[in-house]
């Protein structure tokens, strides 16, 4: 009788652990993406006219081996300063990744043009640290990355309680989900604010198909050329003189 009771308890415990793990295989993570605009703009006059920080709400939807990272639809921000009206467009971006096939597809807009960037997911050379902290209730471990190609120093905080090796933007390949990113010591900080485990429809993690196909290097060159022409304001920044 004792053996039967022990076996039943053991099986029940295993079932509960399995159920908890299975329930974390799909859902939506809400992120806040905070950008220091002053660090991206070289024109001092322009700096004086705009707020230092701009925040956007982003969502990472995940299901099984797939995920989609994109902006939450919001109204454009406007700043009026004398006879100058500045408009900040929310970044139009969708980043789809399939971890089973190691493929990614990015949809991006720049100057009202739509682009589609396809390719394989990168495998960054992360260095795992020993520091830990809690983010939305999850124990997270620090990892760092020096991305010389993009001139970025990245600090990530990931949790192994969420097994999918994903995260904000197109970063991942860590032993769990990234819940916070700090790029270039505060230039861009992306932090998870809420995790909602729920059933996700297949079309919520479907690869985008619209847009002119372009390589990542070609898109990067177009973006850099635009920013040089506009004092570093970025492709989602507009100035209208009234």
Protein backbone atom coordinates (compact mmCIF):
# COMPACT_ATOMS: atom_id res chain seq x y z
CA UNK A 1 0.00 0.00 0.00
CA UNK A 2 2.85 2.34 0.90
CA UNK A 3 4.57 1.55 -2.42
CA UNK A 4 1.37 2.31 -4.34
CA UNK A 5 0.92 5.58 -2.45
CA UNK A 6 4.55 6.59 -3.10
CA UNK A 7 4.25 5.77 -6.81
CA UNK A 8 1.03 7.77 -7.11
CA UNK A 9 2.60 10.78 -5.41
CA UNK A 10 5.69 10.53 -7.64
CA UNK A 11 3.60 10.35 -10.83
CA UNK A 12 1.44 13.27 -9.70
CA UNK A 13 4.56 15.37 -9.04
CA UNK A 14 6.00 14.51 -12.47
CA UNK A 15 2.69 15.39 -14.11
CA UNK A 16 2.57 18.77 -12.34
CA UNK A 17 6.14 19.61 -13.40
CA UNK A 18 5.37 18.57 -16.98
CA UNK A 19 2.17 20.64 -17.01
CA UNK A 20 3.99 23.72 -15.72
CA UNK A 21 6.70 23.35 -18.38
CA UNK A 22 4.20 22.71 -21.17
CA UNK A 23 2.14 25.74 -20.17
CA UNK A 24 5.18 27.96 -20.77
CA UNK A 25 5.64 26.98 -24.42
CA UNK A 26 3.36 29.71 -25.81
CA UNK A 27 2.27 33.20 -24.86
CA UNK A 28 3.10 36.90 -25.16
CA UNK A 29 5.82 38.93 -23.42
CA UNK A 30 5.25 42.70 -23.24
CA UNK A 31 8.42 44.80 -23.44
CA UNK A 32 9.19 48.49 -23.04
CA UNK A 33 11.85 49.71 -25.48
CA UNK A 34 13.47 52.95 -24.25
CA UNK A 35 15.83 54.82 -26.61
CA UNK A 36 18.12 57.72 -25.70
CA UNK A 37 17.48 59.99 -28.68
CA UNK A 38 20.15 62.53 -27.72
CA UNK A 39 22.87 59.90 -28.05
CA UNK A 40 21.78 59.21 -31.63
CA UNK A 41 21.65 62.83 -32.79
CA UNK A 42 24.73 64.87 -33.62
CA UNK A 43 22.88 68.14 -34.34
CA UNK A 44 22.89 70.15 -31.04
CA UNK A 45 20.04 72.41 -32.15
CA UNK A 46 17.87 69.38 -32.84
CA UNK A 47 18.78 67.87 -29.47
CA UNK A 48 17.50 70.97 -27.69
CA UNK A 49 14.13 70.63 -29.40
CA UNK A 50 13.27 67.02 -28.55
CA UNK A 51 12.90 64.91 -25.38
CA UNK A 52 15.96 62.91 -24.41
CA UNK A 53 14.14 59.57 -24.25
CA UNK A 54 11.48 57.92 -26.39
CA UNK A 55 9.65 54.78 -25.30
CA UNK A 56 7.80 52.20 -27.39
CA UNK A 57 5.73 49.18 -26.40
CA UNK A 58 6.80 45.92 -28.04
CA UNK A 59 5.52 42.34 -27.92
CA UNK A 60 7.24 38.98 -28.31
CA UNK A 61 4.73 36.29 -29.22
CA UNK A 62 6.07 32.75 -28.94
CA UNK A 63 4.70 29.31 -29.72
CA UNK A 64 6.76 26.14 -29.75
CA UNK A 65 9.88 26.75 -31.84
CA UNK A 66 8.63 30.02 -33.40
CA UNK A 67 8.34 33.63 -32.25
CA UNK A 68 7.42 37.07 -33.56
CA UNK A 69 8.73 40.38 -32.18
CA UNK A 70 6.91 43.55 -33.24
CA UNK A 71 5.72 46.96 -32.11
CA UNK A 72 2.34 47.50 -30.49
CA UNK A 73 0.22 49.81 -32.61
CA UNK A 74 0.17 53.29 -31.08
CA UNK A 75 -0.35 56.87 -32.23
CA UNK A 76 2.67 58.86 -33.42
CA UNK A 77 4.31 61.18 -30.89
CA UNK A 78 4.38 64.89 -31.69
CA UNK A 79 6.51 67.65 -30.17
CA UNK A 80 5.84 71.31 -30.92
CA UNK A 81 8.58 73.89 -30.46
CA UNK A 82 7.85 77.32 -31.89
CA UNK A 83 7.28 77.01 -35.63
CA UNK A 84 8.68 73.47 -35.77
CA UNK A 85 6.57 70.34 -35.36
CA UNK A 86 8.49 67.11 -34.84
CA UNK A 87 6.84 63.75 -35.39
CA UNK A 88 8.15 60.46 -34.01
CA UNK A 89 6.74 57.48 -35.89
CA UNK A 90 6.57 54.19 -34.08
CA UNK A 91 9.09 51.84 -35.69
CA UNK A 92 7.38 49.49 -38.16
CA UNK A 93 9.20 46.23 -37.56
CA UNK A 94 8.30 42.54 -37.46
CA UNK A 95 10.97 39.94 -36.68
CA UNK A 96 9.95 36.31 -37.19
CA UNK A 97 12.23 33.45 -36.12
CA UNK A 98 11.98 29.68 -36.44
CA UNK A 99 14.40 27.93 -34.11
CA UNK A 100 13.77 24.50 -35.61
CA UNK A 101 14.97 25.63 -39.06
CA UNK A 102 17.33 28.41 -37.83
CA UNK A 103 15.61 30.86 -40.21
CA UNK A 104 14.51 34.46 -39.66
CA UNK A 105 12.45 36.94 -41.67
CA UNK A 106 12.38 40.66 -40.85
CA UNK A 107 9.84 43.17 -42.14
CA UNK A 108 10.96 46.79 -41.85
CA UNK A 109 9.79 50.19 -43.08
CA UNK A 110 12.00 53.15 -43.89
CA UNK A 111 10.89 56.38 -45.55
CA UNK A 112 7.50 54.80 -46.38
CA UNK A 113 9.18 51.92 -48.22
CA UNK A 114 8.68 48.31 -47.15
CA UNK A 115 11.55 45.83 -46.99
CA UNK A 116 11.82 42.10 -46.37
CA UNK A 117 15.08 40.68 -44.99
CA UNK A 118 15.50 36.89 -45.01
CA UNK A 119 18.36 34.77 -43.75
CA UNK A 120 19.71 32.49 -41.08
CA UNK A 121 19.76 33.41 -37.40
CA UNK A 122 23.11 34.57 -36.08
CA UNK A 123 24.94 32.66 -33.35
CA UNK A 124 26.43 35.43 -31.16
CA UNK A 125 29.52 34.74 -29.07
CA UNK A 126 27.90 35.40 -25.69
CA UNK A 127 29.95 35.40 -22.51
CA UNK A 128 27.98 34.08 -19.56
CA UNK A 129 28.38 35.99 -16.31
CA UNK A 130 27.66 35.17 -12.69
CA UNK A 131 25.48 38.15 -11.73
CA UNK A 132 21.76 37.52 -11.25
CA UNK A 133 18.60 39.55 -10.70
CA UNK A 134 14.84 39.15 -10.88
CA UNK A 135 12.78 40.48 -13.79
CA UNK A 136 8.96 40.13 -13.67
CA UNK A 137 9.44 37.47 -11.00
CA UNK A 138 11.97 35.33 -12.88
CA UNK A 139 15.55 34.65 -11.83
CA UNK A 140 17.78 35.99 -14.61
CA UNK A 141 21.49 35.55 -15.32
CA UNK A 142 23.72 38.09 -17.03
CA UNK A 143 25.40 37.55 -20.41
CA UNK A 144 27.49 40.02 -22.43
CA UNK A 145 28.25 40.41 -26.12
CA UNK A 146 30.63 42.68 -28.02
CA UNK A 147 29.12 43.02 -31.50
CA UNK A 148 31.92 44.67 -33.46
CA UNK A 149 30.00 44.56 -36.76
CA UNK A 150 27.21 46.74 -35.34
CA UNK A 151 29.45 48.59 -32.90
CA UNK A 152 27.33 47.48 -29.96
CA UNK A 153 28.15 46.43 -26.43
CA UNK A 154 25.22 44.35 -25.21
CA UNK A 155 24.26 43.18 -21.74
CA UNK A 156 21.45 40.61 -21.65
CA UNK A 157 19.54 39.10 -18.75
CA UNK A 158 17.99 35.70 -19.51
CA UNK A 159 15.97 33.13 -17.59
CA UNK A 160 16.23 29.36 -17.98
CA UNK A 161 12.68 29.05 -16.64
CA UNK A 162 11.51 29.91 -20.18
CA UNK A 163 13.38 27.43 -22.40
CA UNK A 164 12.99 29.12 -25.83
CA UNK A 165 16.33 30.76 -26.74
CA UNK A 166 14.71 33.98 -27.96
CA UNK A 167 14.53 37.61 -26.87
CA UNK A 168 13.83 41.18 -28.00
CA UNK A 169 14.84 42.36 -31.48
CA UNK A 170 16.68 39.50 -33.22
CA UNK A 171 18.84 38.50 -30.26
CA UNK A 172 18.82 35.08 -28.63
CA UNK A 173 20.89 31.88 -28.65
CA UNK A 174 21.20 31.85 -24.85
CA UNK A 175 20.07 28.98 -22.55
CA UNK A 176 16.66 30.62 -22.12
CA UNK A 177 14.53 33.68 -22.83
CA UNK A 178 16.09 37.16 -22.70
CA UNK A 179 13.95 39.44 -20.51
CA UNK A 180 16.16 42.54 -20.61
CA UNK A 181 18.70 44.09 -23.00
CA UNK A 182 21.01 47.05 -22.44
CA UNK A 183 22.70 48.18 -25.66
CA UNK A 184 25.68 50.56 -25.48
CA UNK A 185 25.29 51.39 -21.80
CA UNK A 186 21.80 52.86 -21.87
CA UNK A 187 21.49 53.95 -25.51
CA UNK A 188 18.70 51.38 -25.87
CA UNK A 189 17.17 49.48 -22.94
CA UNK A 190 14.46 46.85 -23.51
CA UNK A 191 12.77 45.39 -20.43
CA UNK A 192 10.01 42.82 -20.00
CA UNK A 193 7.00 44.25 -18.16
CA UNK A 194 4.56 41.33 -18.27
CA UNK A 195 4.41 37.69 -19.37
CA UNK A 196 1.04 36.28 -20.39
CA UNK A 197 1.01 32.52 -20.96
CA UNK A 198 -1.92 31.73 -23.25
CA UNK A 199 -2.92 29.89 -26.40
CA UNK A 200 -1.45 31.59 -29.49
CA UNK A 201 -2.99 31.38 -32.96
CA UNK A 202 -0.75 30.13 -35.77
CA UNK A 203 -1.03 33.38 -37.77
CA UNK A 204 0.38 35.33 -34.80
CA UNK A 205 3.80 33.76 -35.43
CA UNK A 206 3.69 33.65 -39.23
CA UNK A 207 6.63 34.90 -41.31
CA UNK A 208 5.90 38.23 -43.08
CA UNK A 209 5.79 38.11 -46.88
CA UNK A 210 5.25 41.71 -48.05
CA UNK A 211 8.05 44.08 -48.99
CA UNK A 212 11.02 44.42 -51.33
CA UNK A 213 13.55 41.67 -50.66
CA UNK A 214 16.87 43.09 -49.53
CA UNK A 215 19.93 41.82 -47.68
CA UNK A 216 20.67 42.87 -44.12
CA UNK A 217 23.83 44.66 -45.26
CA UNK A 218 21.93 46.61 -47.95
CA UNK A 219 19.29 47.71 -45.45
CA UNK A 220 21.95 48.75 -42.95
CA UNK A 221 23.64 50.88 -45.62
CA UNK A 222 20.36 52.59 -46.57
CA UNK A 223 19.62 53.36 -42.91
CA UNK A 224 23.09 54.77 -42.25
CA UNK A 225 22.88 57.01 -45.34
CA UNK A 226 19.50 58.33 -44.23
CA UNK A 227 20.72 59.08 -40.71
CA UNK A 228 23.75 60.95 -42.03
CA UNK A 229 21.49 63.15 -44.16
CA UNK A 230 19.21 63.88 -41.20
CA UNK A 231 21.65 64.48 -38.37
CA UNK A 232 21.18 61.06 -36.80
CA UNK A 233 17.43 61.46 -36.28
CA UNK A 234 16.60 58.01 -37.59
CA UNK A 235 14.18 56.78 -40.27
CA UNK A 236 11.11 57.18 -38.02
CA UNK A 237 11.76 60.85 -37.28
CA UNK A 238 10.18 63.76 -39.16
CA UNK A 239 10.53 67.56 -38.90
CA UNK A 240 7.76 69.76 -40.31
CA UNK A 241 8.13 73.55 -40.26
CA UNK A 242 4.79 75.27 -39.67
